C-alpha atoms as a PDB file:
ATOM      1  CA  PRO A   1       0.000   0.000   0.000  1.00  0.00           C
ATOM      2  CA  VAL A   2       1.063   3.593  -0.652  1.00  0.00           C
ATOM      3  CA  MET A   3       1.528   5.708   2.484  1.00  0.00           C
ATOM      4  CA  PRO A   4       0.354   9.355   2.751  1.00  0.00           C
ATOM      5  CA  ASP A   5       3.921  10.624   2.195  1.00  0.00           C
ATOM      6  CA  GLY A   6       4.173   8.670  -1.090  1.00  0.00           C
ATOM      7  CA  SER A   7       6.335   5.851   0.253  1.00  0.00           C
ATOM      8  CA  VAL A   8       5.444   2.197  -0.170  1.00  0.00           C
ATOM      9  CA  LEU A   9       4.948  -0.020   2.865  1.00  0.00           C
ATOM     10  CA  LEU A  10       6.866  -3.296   2.669  1.00  0.00           C
ATOM     11  CA  VAL A  11       5.832  -6.100   4.999  1.00  0.00           C
ATOM     12  CA  ASP A  12       8.722  -7.954   6.611  1.00  0.00           C
ATOM     13  CA  ASN A  13       9.791  -9.452   9.927  1.00  0.00           C
ATOM     14  CA  VAL A  14      11.841  -6.431  10.978  1.00  0.00           C
ATOM     15  CA  CYS A  15      10.524  -4.374  13.859  1.00  0.00           C
ATOM     16  CA  HIS A  16      10.428  -0.746  12.711  1.00  0.00           C
ATOM     17  CA  GLN A  17      10.510   1.695  15.604  1.00  0.00           C
ATOM     18  CA  SER A  18       9.993   5.416  15.472  1.00  0.00           C
ATOM     19  CA  GLY A  19      10.312   8.089  18.094  1.00  0.00           C
ATOM     20  CA  GLU A  20      12.191  11.206  18.971  1.00  0.00           C
ATOM     21  CA  VAL A  21      15.727  11.443  20.281  1.00  0.00           C
ATOM     22  CA  SER A  22      15.630  14.363  22.671  1.00  0.00           C
ATOM     23  CA  MET A  23      18.537  16.766  23.081  1.00  0.00           C
ATOM     24  CA  GLY A  24      19.199  15.246  26.513  1.00  0.00           C
ATOM     25  CA  SER A  25      19.988  11.889  24.858  1.00  0.00           C
ATOM     26  CA  PHE A  26      23.014  13.260  23.026  1.00  0.00           C
ATOM     27  CA  CYS A  27      26.409  12.707  24.646  1.00  0.00           C
ATOM     28  CA  ARG A  28      28.889  15.543  24.813  1.00  0.00           C
ATOM     29  CA  LEU A  29      31.998  14.882  22.732  1.00  0.00           C
ATOM     30  CA  PRO A  30      35.324  16.463  23.680  1.00  0.00           C
ATOM     31  CA  GLY A  31      36.292  19.292  21.373  1.00  0.00           C
ATOM     32  CA  THR A  32      32.779  19.988  20.129  1.00  0.00           C
ATOM     33  CA  SER A  33      30.335  22.678  21.011  1.00  0.00           C
ATOM     34  CA  GLY A  34      28.780  22.063  24.420  1.00  0.00           C
ATOM     35  CA  CYS A  35      25.437  23.761  23.845  1.00  0.00           C
ATOM     36  CA  PHE A  36      22.321  22.646  22.003  1.00  0.00           C
ATOM     37  CA  PRO A  37      21.110  23.707  19.566  1.00  0.00           C
ATOM     38  CA  CYS A  38      24.539  24.388  18.115  1.00  0.00           C
ATOM     39  CA  PRO A  39      25.240  26.990  15.441  1.00  0.00           C
ATOM     40  CA  LEU A  40      26.574  25.661  12.145  1.00  0.00           C
ATOM     41  CA  ASN A  41      28.383  27.976   9.745  1.00  0.00           C
ATOM     42  CA  ALA A  42      28.748  27.462   5.992  1.00  0.00           C
ATOM     43  CA  LEU A  43      30.879  24.408   5.057  1.00  0.00           C
ATOM     44  CA  GLU A  44      31.138  23.433   8.721  1.00  0.00           C
ATOM     45  CA  GLU A  45      30.334  19.980  10.040  1.00  0.00           C
ATOM     46  CA  HIS A  46      29.270  18.759  13.448  1.00  0.00           C
ATOM     47  CA  ASN A  47      29.285  15.214  14.847  1.00  0.00           C
ATOM     48  CA  PHE A  48      26.697  13.891  17.282  1.00  0.00           C
ATOM     49  CA  LEU A  49      26.797  10.781  19.416  1.00  0.00           C
ATOM     50  CA  PHE A  50      23.674   9.169  20.808  1.00  0.00           C
ATOM     51  CA  GLN A  51      22.765   5.834  22.314  1.00  0.00           C
ATOM     52  CA  LEU A  52      20.001   3.456  21.243  1.00  0.00           C
ATOM     53  CA  ARG A  53      18.652   1.042  23.812  1.00  0.00           C
ATOM     54  CA  GLY A  54      16.580  -1.937  22.764  1.00  0.00           C
ATOM     55  CA  GLY A  55      14.845  -4.503  24.905  1.00  0.00           C
ATOM     56  CA  GLU A  56      16.352  -7.931  25.397  1.00  0.00           C
ATOM     57  CA  GLN A  57      13.397  -9.605  23.728  1.00  0.00           C
ATOM     58  CA  PRO A  58      11.976  -8.411  20.404  1.00  0.00           C
ATOM     59  CA  PRO A  59       8.269  -7.616  20.164  1.00  0.00           C
ATOM     60  CA  PRO A  60       6.051 -10.539  19.088  1.00  0.00           C
ATOM     61  CA  GLY A  61       6.332 -11.210  15.349  1.00  0.00           C
ATOM     62  CA  ALA A  62       9.637  -9.322  14.934  1.00  0.00           C
ATOM     63  CA  LYS A  63      12.304 -11.983  14.467  1.00  0.00           C
ATOM     64  CA  GLU A  64      14.936 -10.410  12.263  1.00  0.00           C
ATOM     65  CA  GLY A  65      15.990  -7.373  14.244  1.00  0.00           C
ATOM     66  CA  LEU A  66      15.284  -3.718  14.861  1.00  0.00           C
ATOM     67  CA  GLU A  67      15.461  -0.965  12.260  1.00  0.00           C
ATOM     68  CA  VAL A  68      15.541   2.682  13.322  1.00  0.00           C
ATOM     69  CA  PRO A  69      15.041   5.284  10.587  1.00  0.00           C
ATOM     70  CA  LEU A  70      16.893   8.526  11.327  1.00  0.00           C
ATOM     71  CA  ILE A  71      15.804  12.014  10.294  1.00  0.00           C
ATOM     72  CA  ALA A  72      17.796  15.179  10.944  1.00  0.00           C
ATOM     73  CA  VAL A  73      15.913  18.452  11.300  1.00  0.00           C
ATOM     74  CA  VAL A  74      17.950  21.577  10.572  1.00  0.00           C
ATOM     75  CA  GLN A  75      16.583  25.003  11.502  1.00  0.00           C
ATOM     76  CA  TRP A  76      18.071  27.861   9.511  1.00  0.00           C
ATOM     77  CA  SER A  77      17.365  31.390   8.383  1.00  0.00           C
ATOM     78  CA  THR A  78      18.597  33.807   5.751  1.00  0.00           C
ATOM     79  CA  PRO A  79      18.459  37.603   5.517  1.00  0.00           C
ATOM     80  CA  LYS A  80      17.190  37.249   1.936  1.00  0.00           C
ATOM     81  CA  LEU A  81      13.807  36.180   3.305  1.00  0.00           C
ATOM     82  CA  PRO A  82      13.048  38.929   5.856  1.00  0.00           C
ATOM     83  CA  PHE A  83       9.483  37.805   6.596  1.00  0.00           C
ATOM     84  CA  THR A  84      10.530  34.235   7.398  1.00  0.00           C
ATOM     85  CA  GLN A  85      11.958  33.773  10.891  1.00  0.00           C
ATOM     86  CA  SER A  86      13.080  30.171  10.522  1.00  0.00           C
ATOM     87  CA  ILE A  87      13.128  27.463   7.900  1.00  0.00           C
ATOM     88  CA  TYR A  88      13.086  23.811   8.933  1.00  0.00           C
ATOM     89  CA  THR A  89      14.668  21.305   6.559  1.00  0.00           C
ATOM     90  CA  HIS A  90      14.226  17.570   7.138  1.00  0.00           C
ATOM     91  CA  TYR A  91      16.946  15.186   5.959  1.00  0.00           C
ATOM     92  CA  ARG A  92      16.454  11.431   5.810  1.00  0.00           C
ATOM     93  CA  LEU A  93      19.623   9.770   7.101  1.00  0.00           C
ATOM     94  CA  PRO A  94      20.705   6.157   6.641  1.00  0.00           C
ATOM     95  CA  SER A  95      18.762   3.953   9.041  1.00  0.00           C
ATOM     96  CA  VAL A  96      20.354   1.962  11.828  1.00  0.00           C
ATOM     97  CA  ARG A  97      19.627  -1.761  11.819  1.00  0.00           C
ATOM     98  CA  LEU A  98      20.295  -3.935  14.839  1.00  0.00           C
ATOM     99  CA  ASP A  99      20.224  -7.620  13.944  1.00  0.00           C
ATOM    100  CA  ARG A 100      19.427 -10.096  16.652  1.00  0.00           C
ATOM    101  CA  PRO A 101      21.231 -13.447  16.564  1.00  0.00           C
ATOM    102  CA  CYS A 102      18.899 -16.337  15.740  1.00  0.00           C
ATOM    103  CA  PHE A 103      20.630 -18.935  17.916  1.00  0.00           C
ATOM    104  CA  VAL A 104      21.904 -17.806  21.320  1.00  0.00           C
ATOM    105  CA  MET A 105      23.352 -19.842  24.158  1.00  0.00           C
ATOM    106  CA  THR A 106      23.920 -18.316  27.583  1.00  0.00           C
ATOM    107  CA  ALA A 107      25.413 -19.826  30.724  1.00  0.00           C
ATOM    108  CA  SER A 108      24.899 -18.649  34.292  1.00  0.00           C
ATOM    109  CA  CYS A 109      25.914 -19.765  37.774  1.00  0.00           C
ATOM    110  CA  LYS A 110      25.938 -18.401  41.290  1.00  0.00           C
ATOM    111  CA  SER A 111      28.852 -16.125  41.963  1.00  0.00           C
ATOM    112  CA  PRO A 112      31.479 -16.331  43.353  1.00  0.00           C
ATOM    113  CA  VAL A 113      32.648 -19.853  42.507  1.00  0.00           C
ATOM    114  CA  ARG A 114      35.134 -21.231  45.022  1.00  0.00           C
ATOM    115  CA  THR A 115      38.002 -23.513  44.050  1.00  0.00           C
ATOM    116  CA  TYR A 116      37.406 -27.249  44.615  1.00  0.00           C
ATOM    117  CA  GLU A 117      33.698 -26.737  45.421  1.00  0.00           C
ATOM    118  CA  ARG A 118      30.831 -28.006  43.293  1.00  0.00           C
ATOM    119  CA  PHE A 119      28.644 -25.488  41.519  1.00  0.00           C
ATOM    120  CA  THR A 120      25.727 -25.630  39.107  1.00  0.00           C
ATOM    121  CA  VAL A 121      25.768 -24.023  35.672  1.00  0.00           C
ATOM    122  CA  THR A 122      22.485 -23.341  33.895  1.00  0.00           C
ATOM    123  CA  TYR A 123      22.633 -23.270  30.083  1.00  0.00           C
ATOM    124  CA  THR A 124      19.834 -21.547  28.189  1.00  0.00           C
ATOM    125  CA  LEU A 125      19.320 -21.953  24.440  1.00  0.00           C
ATOM    126  CA  LEU A 126      17.259 -19.456  22.458  1.00  0.00           C
ATOM    127  CA  ASN A 127      16.472 -20.872  19.031  1.00  0.00           C
ATOM    128  CA  ASN A 128      14.733 -18.696  16.442  1.00  0.00           C
ATOM    129  CA  LEU A 129      16.119 -20.648  13.484  1.00  0.00           C
ATOM    130  CA  GLN A 130      14.197 -23.894  13.034  1.00  0.00           C
ATOM    131  CA  ASP A 131      13.266 -27.112  14.797  1.00  0.00           C
ATOM    132  CA  PHE A 132      16.077 -29.452  15.797  1.00  0.00           C
ATOM    133  CA  LEU A 133      15.783 -33.178  16.428  1.00  0.00           C
ATOM    134  CA  ALA A 134      18.364 -33.013  19.220  1.00  0.00           C
ATOM    135  CA  VAL A 135      20.748 -30.621  20.907  1.00  0.00           C
ATOM    136  CA  ARG A 136      23.880 -32.042  22.508  1.00  0.00           C
ATOM    137  CA  LEU A 137      26.167 -30.197  24.911  1.00  0.00           C
ATOM    138  CA  VAL A 138      29.754 -31.448  24.800  1.00  0.00           C
ATOM    139  CA  TRP A 139      31.919 -30.206  27.649  1.00  0.00           C
ATOM    140  CA  THR A 140      35.672 -30.577  27.362  1.00  0.00           C
ATOM    141  CA  PRO A 141      37.563 -28.985  30.272  1.00  0.00           C
ATOM    142  CA  GLU A 142      41.015 -27.632  29.496  1.00  0.00           C
ATOM    143  CA  HIS A 143      42.854 -30.071  31.807  1.00  0.00           C
ATOM    144  CA  ALA A 144      40.999 -33.043  30.251  1.00  0.00           C
ATOM    145  CA  GLN A 145      42.381 -32.094  26.830  1.00  0.00           C
ATOM    146  CA  ALA A 146      45.922 -32.151  28.207  1.00  0.00           C
ATOM    147  CA  GLU A 147      45.396 -35.681  29.621  1.00  0.00           C
ATOM    148  CA  TRP A 148      44.359 -37.018  26.195  1.00  0.00           C
ATOM    149  CA  LEU A 149      47.527 -35.752  24.490  1.00  0.00           C
END
């Protein structure tokens, strides 16, 4: 289907998120201007650093990752247009895509682990690939490898 802005909606398994990155989300970089909004002169460039935080689990139905479209809004003015106070120009930037691994294995145990004492390790498998007939965990401690040599 065609969207109101003329773009075409493609259906996929990627979770598309939209929202606003507030000025408070930007990190200050050494050597750059410390105030926002920052003035930008002709032929001058400015770098921004911000942080995206995604949940550990994707929303239901989104299996391939997270895609964040970025848009920069630049406010500017010119003395050639005396009746216009500000002009806002929107620039579509390359989107950021965060891919989630399809097969993840994690291990956890109580901490701290003391030498020569038994402890339990819990392994968790997250499988978003396909069905498996069997999963086998092969554990080969480092000292056991040395004994076989």
